[in-house]
Amino acid sequence: MEALQWNRPEACQDGASCPEVAVTADAVYLRSSLQPDAVATLTTAEWRDLLTGIRNGEFDV
């Protein structure tokens, strides 16, 4: 895997348990700061669908 630029939400800058995202031209990579070696890879369409679902409350408990 190429060297990735990982980003955290501003609310998590000092936290130890944060989601991290890296975006390239071909894919979006997700991981947890607790398990940085476990990386999920999404297409840009899958990433867009995930964000839409989050915004629409599809994952609210």
PDB file of N, CA and C in Angstrom:
ATOM      1  N   MET A   1       0.844  -1.172   0.000  1.00  0.00           N
ATOM      2  CA  MET A   1       0.000   0.000   0.000  1.00  0.00           C
ATOM      3  C   MET A   1       0.894   1.241   0.000  1.00  0.00           C
ATOM      4  N   GLU A   2       0.486   2.255  -0.748  1.00  0.00           N
ATOM      5  CA  GLU A   2       1.238   3.495  -0.803  1.00  0.00           C
ATOM      6  C   GLU A   2       1.193   4.213   0.545  1.00  0.00           C
ATOM      7  N   ALA A   3       2.129   5.138   0.741  1.00  0.00           N
ATOM      8  CA  ALA A   3       2.106   5.935   1.969  1.00  0.00           C
ATOM      9  C   ALA A   3       0.857   6.801   1.956  1.00  0.00           C
ATOM     10  N   LEU A   4       0.089   6.747   3.020  1.00  0.00           N
ATOM     11  CA  LEU A   4      -1.185   7.454   3.079  1.00  0.00           C
ATOM     12  C   LEU A   4      -1.125   8.597   4.080  1.00  0.00           C
ATOM     13  N   GLN A   5      -1.861   9.657   3.803  1.00  0.00           N
ATOM     14  CA  GLN A   5      -1.994  10.797   4.707  1.00  0.00           C
ATOM     15  C   GLN A   5      -3.267  10.585   5.525  1.00  0.00           C
ATOM     16  N   TRP A   6      -3.118  10.145   6.769  1.00  0.00           N
ATOM     17  CA  TRP A   6      -4.267   9.855   7.630  1.00  0.00           C
ATOM     18  C   TRP A   6      -4.754  11.121   8.308  1.00  0.00           C
ATOM     19  N   ASN A   7      -6.083  11.275   8.366  1.00  0.00           N
ATOM     20  CA  ASN A   7      -6.714  12.431   8.989  1.00  0.00           C
ATOM     21  C   ASN A   7      -7.715  11.969  10.036  1.00  0.00           C
ATOM     22  N   ARG A   8      -7.813  12.753  11.111  1.00  0.00           N
ATOM     23  CA  ARG A   8      -8.784  12.501  12.186  1.00  0.00           C
ATOM     24  C   ARG A   8      -9.760  13.666  12.248  1.00  0.00           C
ATOM     25  N   PRO A   9     -10.963  13.416  12.748  1.00  0.00           N
ATOM     26  CA  PRO A   9     -11.884  14.532  12.976  1.00  0.00           C
ATOM     27  C   PRO A   9     -11.281  15.493  13.994  1.00  0.00           C
ATOM     28  N   GLU A  10     -11.594  16.770  13.850  1.00  0.00           N
ATOM     29  CA  GLU A  10     -11.059  17.771  14.785  1.00  0.00           C
ATOM     30  C   GLU A  10     -11.410  17.452  16.230  1.00  0.00           C
ATOM     31  N   ALA A  11     -12.577  16.882  16.467  1.00  0.00           N
ATOM     32  CA  ALA A  11     -13.006  16.553  17.826  1.00  0.00           C
ATOM     33  C   ALA A  11     -12.143  15.459  18.449  1.00  0.00           C
ATOM     34  N   CYS A  12     -11.362  14.761  17.653  1.00  0.00           N
ATOM     35  CA  CYS A  12     -10.571  13.626  18.133  1.00  0.00           C
ATOM     36  C   CYS A  12      -9.070  13.893  18.164  1.00  0.00           C
ATOM     37  N   GLN A  13      -8.640  15.080  17.949  1.00  0.00           N
ATOM     38  CA  GLN A  13      -7.207  15.335  17.810  1.00  0.00           C
ATOM     39  C   GLN A  13      -6.393  14.860  19.013  1.00  0.00           C
ATOM     40  N   ASP A  14      -6.940  14.920  20.204  1.00  0.00           N
ATOM     41  CA  ASP A  14      -6.200  14.500  21.391  1.00  0.00           C
ATOM     42  C   ASP A  14      -6.652  13.149  21.924  1.00  0.00           C
ATOM     43  N   GLY A  15      -7.605  12.517  21.264  1.00  0.00           N
ATOM     44  CA  GLY A  15      -8.143  11.249  21.731  1.00  0.00           C
ATOM     45  C   GLY A  15      -7.315  10.064  21.286  1.00  0.00           C
ATOM     46  N   ALA A  16      -7.486   8.960  21.972  1.00  0.00           N
ATOM     47  CA  ALA A  16      -6.744   7.753  21.639  1.00  0.00           C
ATOM     48  C   ALA A  16      -7.596   6.754  20.866  1.00  0.00           C
ATOM     49  N   SER A  17      -8.890   6.998  20.765  1.00  0.00           N
ATOM     50  CA  SER A  17      -9.790   6.071  20.083  1.00  0.00           C
ATOM     51  C   SER A  17     -10.574   6.851  19.036  1.00  0.00           C
ATOM     52  N   CYS A  18      -9.958   7.010  17.865  1.00  0.00           N
ATOM     53  CA  CYS A  18     -10.539   7.873  16.846  1.00  0.00           C
ATOM     54  C   CYS A  18     -10.582   7.189  15.489  1.00  0.00           C
ATOM     55  N   PRO A  19     -11.589   7.522  14.680  1.00  0.00           N
ATOM     56  CA  PRO A  19     -11.577   7.054  13.303  1.00  0.00           C
ATOM     57  C   PRO A  19     -10.565   7.888  12.523  1.00  0.00           C
ATOM     58  N   GLU A  20      -9.911   7.247  11.567  1.00  0.00           N
ATOM     59  CA  GLU A  20      -8.954   7.937  10.715  1.00  0.00           C
ATOM     60  C   GLU A  20      -9.277   7.613   9.262  1.00  0.00           C
ATOM     61  N   VAL A  21      -9.119   8.592   8.393  1.00  0.00           N
ATOM     62  CA  VAL A  21      -9.465   8.462   6.986  1.00  0.00           C
ATOM     63  C   VAL A  21      -8.302   8.949   6.138  1.00  0.00           C
ATOM     64  N   ALA A  22      -8.032   8.216   5.067  1.00  0.00           N
ATOM     65  CA  ALA A  22      -7.054   8.643   4.061  1.00  0.00           C
ATOM     66  C   ALA A  22      -7.725   8.526   2.701  1.00  0.00           C
ATOM     67  N   VAL A  23      -7.618   9.588   1.906  1.00  0.00           N
ATOM     68  CA  VAL A  23      -8.278   9.621   0.605  1.00  0.00           C
ATOM     69  C   VAL A  23      -7.229   9.704  -0.490  1.00  0.00           C
ATOM     70  N   THR A  24      -7.364   8.838  -1.497  1.00  0.00           N
ATOM     71  CA  THR A  24      -6.518   8.896  -2.686  1.00  0.00           C
ATOM     72  C   THR A  24      -7.429   9.079  -3.895  1.00  0.00           C
ATOM     73  N   ALA A  25      -6.845   9.161  -5.060  1.00  0.00           N
ATOM     74  CA  ALA A  25      -7.638   9.324  -6.281  1.00  0.00           C
ATOM     75  C   ALA A  25      -8.508   8.102  -6.551  1.00  0.00           C
ATOM     76  N   ASP A  26      -8.078   6.930  -6.078  1.00  0.00           N
ATOM     77  CA  ASP A  26      -8.761   5.681  -6.405  1.00  0.00           C
ATOM     78  C   ASP A  26      -9.599   5.089  -5.283  1.00  0.00           C
ATOM     79  N   ALA A  27      -9.350   5.482  -4.040  1.00  0.00           N
ATOM     80  CA  ALA A  27     -10.020   4.816  -2.923  1.00  0.00           C
ATOM     81  C   ALA A  27     -10.015   5.691  -1.675  1.00  0.00           C
ATOM     82  N   VAL A  28     -10.831   5.266  -0.717  1.00  0.00           N
ATOM     83  CA  VAL A  28     -10.862   5.885   0.603  1.00  0.00           C
ATOM     84  C   VAL A  28     -10.543   4.781   1.608  1.00  0.00           C
ATOM     85  N   TYR A  29      -9.631   5.055   2.523  1.00  0.00           N
ATOM     86  CA  TYR A  29      -9.185   4.069   3.500  1.00  0.00           C
ATOM     87  C   TYR A  29      -9.643   4.507   4.880  1.00  0.00           C
ATOM     88  N   LEU A  30     -10.140   3.567   5.657  1.00  0.00           N
ATOM     89  CA  LEU A  30     -10.618   3.831   7.009  1.00  0.00           C
ATOM     90  C   LEU A  30      -9.899   2.926   7.996  1.00  0.00           C
ATOM     91  N   ARG A  31      -9.642   3.454   9.175  1.00  0.00           N
ATOM     92  CA  ARG A  31      -9.066   2.639  10.244  1.00  0.00           C
ATOM     93  C   ARG A  31      -9.387   3.280  11.580  1.00  0.00           C
ATOM     94  N   SER A  32      -9.138   2.538  12.640  1.00  0.00           N
ATOM     95  CA  SER A  32      -9.268   3.048  13.998  1.00  0.00           C
ATOM     96  C   SER A  32      -7.873   3.327  14.528  1.00  0.00           C
ATOM     97  N   SER A  33      -7.719   4.383  15.285  1.00  0.00           N
ATOM     98  CA  SER A  33      -6.415   4.656  15.883  1.00  0.00           C
ATOM     99  C   SER A  33      -6.007   3.559  16.860  1.00  0.00           C
ATOM    100  N   LEU A  34      -6.986   2.787  17.345  1.00  0.00           N
ATOM    101  CA  LEU A  34      -6.680   1.672  18.247  1.00  0.00           C
ATOM    102  C   LEU A  34      -6.092   0.476  17.511  1.00  0.00           C
ATOM    103  N   GLN A  35      -6.439   0.318  16.231  1.00  0.00           N
ATOM    104  CA  GLN A  35      -5.936  -0.802  15.429  1.00  0.00           C
ATOM    105  C   GLN A  35      -5.494  -0.283  14.055  1.00  0.00           C
ATOM    106  N   PRO A  36      -4.390   0.439  14.004  1.00  0.00           N
ATOM    107  CA  PRO A  36      -3.981   1.091  12.765  1.00  0.00           C
ATOM    108  C   PRO A  36      -3.602   0.130  11.635  1.00  0.00           C
ATOM    109  N   ASP A  37      -3.369  -1.128  11.949  1.00  0.00           N
ATOM    110  CA  ASP A  37      -3.037  -2.092  10.890  1.00  0.00           C
ATOM    111  C   ASP A  37      -4.270  -2.705  10.241  1.00  0.00           C
ATOM    112  N   ALA A  38      -5.449  -2.505  10.823  1.00  0.00           N
ATOM    113  CA  ALA A  38      -6.697  -3.025  10.271  1.00  0.00           C
ATOM    114  C   ALA A  38      -7.336  -1.904   9.447  1.00  0.00           C
ATOM    115  N   VAL A  39      -7.148  -1.967   8.131  1.00  0.00           N
ATOM    116  CA  VAL A  39      -7.584  -0.899   7.237  1.00  0.00           C
ATOM    117  C   VAL A  39      -8.696  -1.416   6.321  1.00  0.00           C
ATOM    118  N   ALA A  40      -9.790  -0.674   6.271  1.00  0.00           N
ATOM    119  CA  ALA A  40     -10.883  -0.975   5.337  1.00  0.00           C
ATOM    120  C   ALA A  40     -10.706  -0.079   4.112  1.00  0.00           C
ATOM    121  N   THR A  41     -10.931  -0.644   2.940  1.00  0.00           N
ATOM    122  CA  THR A  41     -10.806   0.104   1.699  1.00  0.00           C
ATOM    123  C   THR A  41     -12.170   0.216   1.035  1.00  0.00           C
ATOM    124  N   LEU A  42     -12.553   1.434   0.685  1.00  0.00           N
ATOM    125  CA  LEU A  42     -13.824   1.673   0.010  1.00  0.00           C
ATOM    126  C   LEU A  42     -13.573   2.390  -1.311  1.00  0.00           C
ATOM    127  N   THR A  43     -14.452   2.146  -2.271  1.00  0.00           N
ATOM    128  CA  THR A  43     -14.422   2.946  -3.485  1.00  0.00           C
ATOM    129  C   THR A  43     -14.982   4.318  -3.139  1.00  0.00           C
ATOM    130  N   THR A  44     -14.798   5.274  -4.017  1.00  0.00           N
ATOM    131  CA  THR A  44     -15.350   6.593  -3.747  1.00  0.00           C
ATOM    132  C   THR A  44     -16.881   6.537  -3.702  1.00  0.00           C
ATOM    133  N   ALA A  45     -17.507   5.684  -4.501  1.00  0.00           N
ATOM    134  CA  ALA A  45     -18.968   5.534  -4.467  1.00  0.00           C
ATOM    135  C   ALA A  45     -19.418   4.945  -3.131  1.00  0.00           C
ATOM    136  N   GLU A  46     -18.699   3.944  -2.621  1.00  0.00           N
ATOM    137  CA  GLU A  46     -19.038   3.357  -1.323  1.00  0.00           C
ATOM    138  C   GLU A  46     -18.877   4.390  -0.210  1.00  0.00           C
ATOM    139  N   TRP A  47     -17.830   5.206  -0.281  1.00  0.00           N
ATOM    140  CA  TRP A  47     -17.597   6.254   0.711  1.00  0.00           C
ATOM    141  C   TRP A  47     -18.737   7.262   0.689  1.00  0.00           C
ATOM    142  N   ARG A  48     -19.141   7.684  -0.499  1.00  0.00           N
ATOM    143  CA  ARG A  48     -20.249   8.623  -0.641  1.00  0.00           C
ATOM    144  C   ARG A  48     -21.532   8.039  -0.059  1.00  0.00           C
ATOM    145  N   ASP A  49     -21.790   6.746  -0.338  1.00  0.00           N
ATOM    146  CA  ASP A  49     -22.985   6.086   0.208  1.00  0.00           C
ATOM    147  C   ASP A  49     -22.923   5.998   1.733  1.00  0.00           C
ATOM    148  N   LEU A  50     -21.761   5.711   2.278  1.00  0.00           N
ATOM    149  CA  LEU A  50     -21.605   5.648   3.734  1.00  0.00           C
ATOM    150  C   LEU A  50     -21.888   7.005   4.367  1.00  0.00           C
ATOM    151  N   LEU A  51     -21.310   8.058   3.813  1.00  0.00           N
ATOM    152  CA  LEU A  51     -21.549   9.392   4.363  1.00  0.00           C
ATOM    153  C   LEU A  51     -23.013   9.790   4.255  1.00  0.00           C
ATOM    154  N   THR A  52     -23.652   9.453   3.156  1.00  0.00           N
ATOM    155  CA  THR A  52     -25.079   9.749   2.994  1.00  0.00           C
ATOM    156  C   THR A  52     -25.894   9.016   4.048  1.00  0.00           C
ATOM    157  N   GLY A  53     -25.584   7.745   4.291  1.00  0.00           N
ATOM    158  CA  GLY A  53     -26.276   6.969   5.311  1.00  0.00           C
ATOM    159  C   GLY A  53     -26.092   7.544   6.699  1.00  0.00           C
ATOM    160  N   ILE A  54     -24.887   7.993   7.001  1.00  0.00           N
ATOM    161  CA  ILE A  54     -24.617   8.600   8.306  1.00  0.00           C
ATOM    162  C   ILE A  54     -25.429   9.880   8.458  1.00  0.00           C
ATOM    163  N   ARG A  55     -25.384  10.720   7.441  1.00  0.00           N
ATOM    164  CA  ARG A  55     -26.131  11.994   7.493  1.00  0.00           C
ATOM    165  C   ARG A  55     -27.635  11.778   7.609  1.00  0.00           C
ATOM    166  N   ASN A  56     -28.138  10.711   7.017  1.00  0.00           N
ATOM    167  CA  ASN A  56     -29.567  10.423   7.043  1.00  0.00           C
ATOM    168  C   ASN A  56     -29.999   9.626   8.272  1.00  0.00           C
ATOM    169  N   GLY A  57     -29.069   9.321   9.155  1.00  0.00           N
ATOM    170  CA  GLY A  57     -29.395   8.626  10.392  1.00  0.00           C
ATOM    171  C   GLY A  57     -29.622   7.128  10.245  1.00  0.00           C
ATOM    172  N   GLU A  58     -29.164   6.541   9.144  1.00  0.00           N
ATOM    173  CA  GLU A  58     -29.379   5.114   8.916  1.00  0.00           C
ATOM    174  C   GLU A  58     -28.673   4.226   9.937  1.00  0.00           C
ATOM    175  N   PHE A  59     -27.695   4.752  10.629  1.00  0.00           N
ATOM    176  CA  PHE A  59     -26.930   3.938  11.567  1.00  0.00           C
ATOM    177  C   PHE A  59     -27.200   4.319  13.020  1.00  0.00           C
ATOM    178  N   ASP A  60     -28.139   5.233  13.223  1.00  0.00           N
ATOM    179  CA  ASP A  60     -28.482   5.634  14.587  1.00  0.00           C
ATOM    180  C   ASP A  60     -29.120   4.466  15.313  1.00  0.00           C
ATOM    181  N   VAL A  61     -28.784   4.313  16.560  1.00  0.00           N
ATOM    182  CA  VAL A  61     -29.316   3.210  17.360  1.00  0.00           C
ATOM    183  C   VAL A  61     -30.507   3.665  18.147  1.00  0.00           C
TER     184      VAL A  61
END
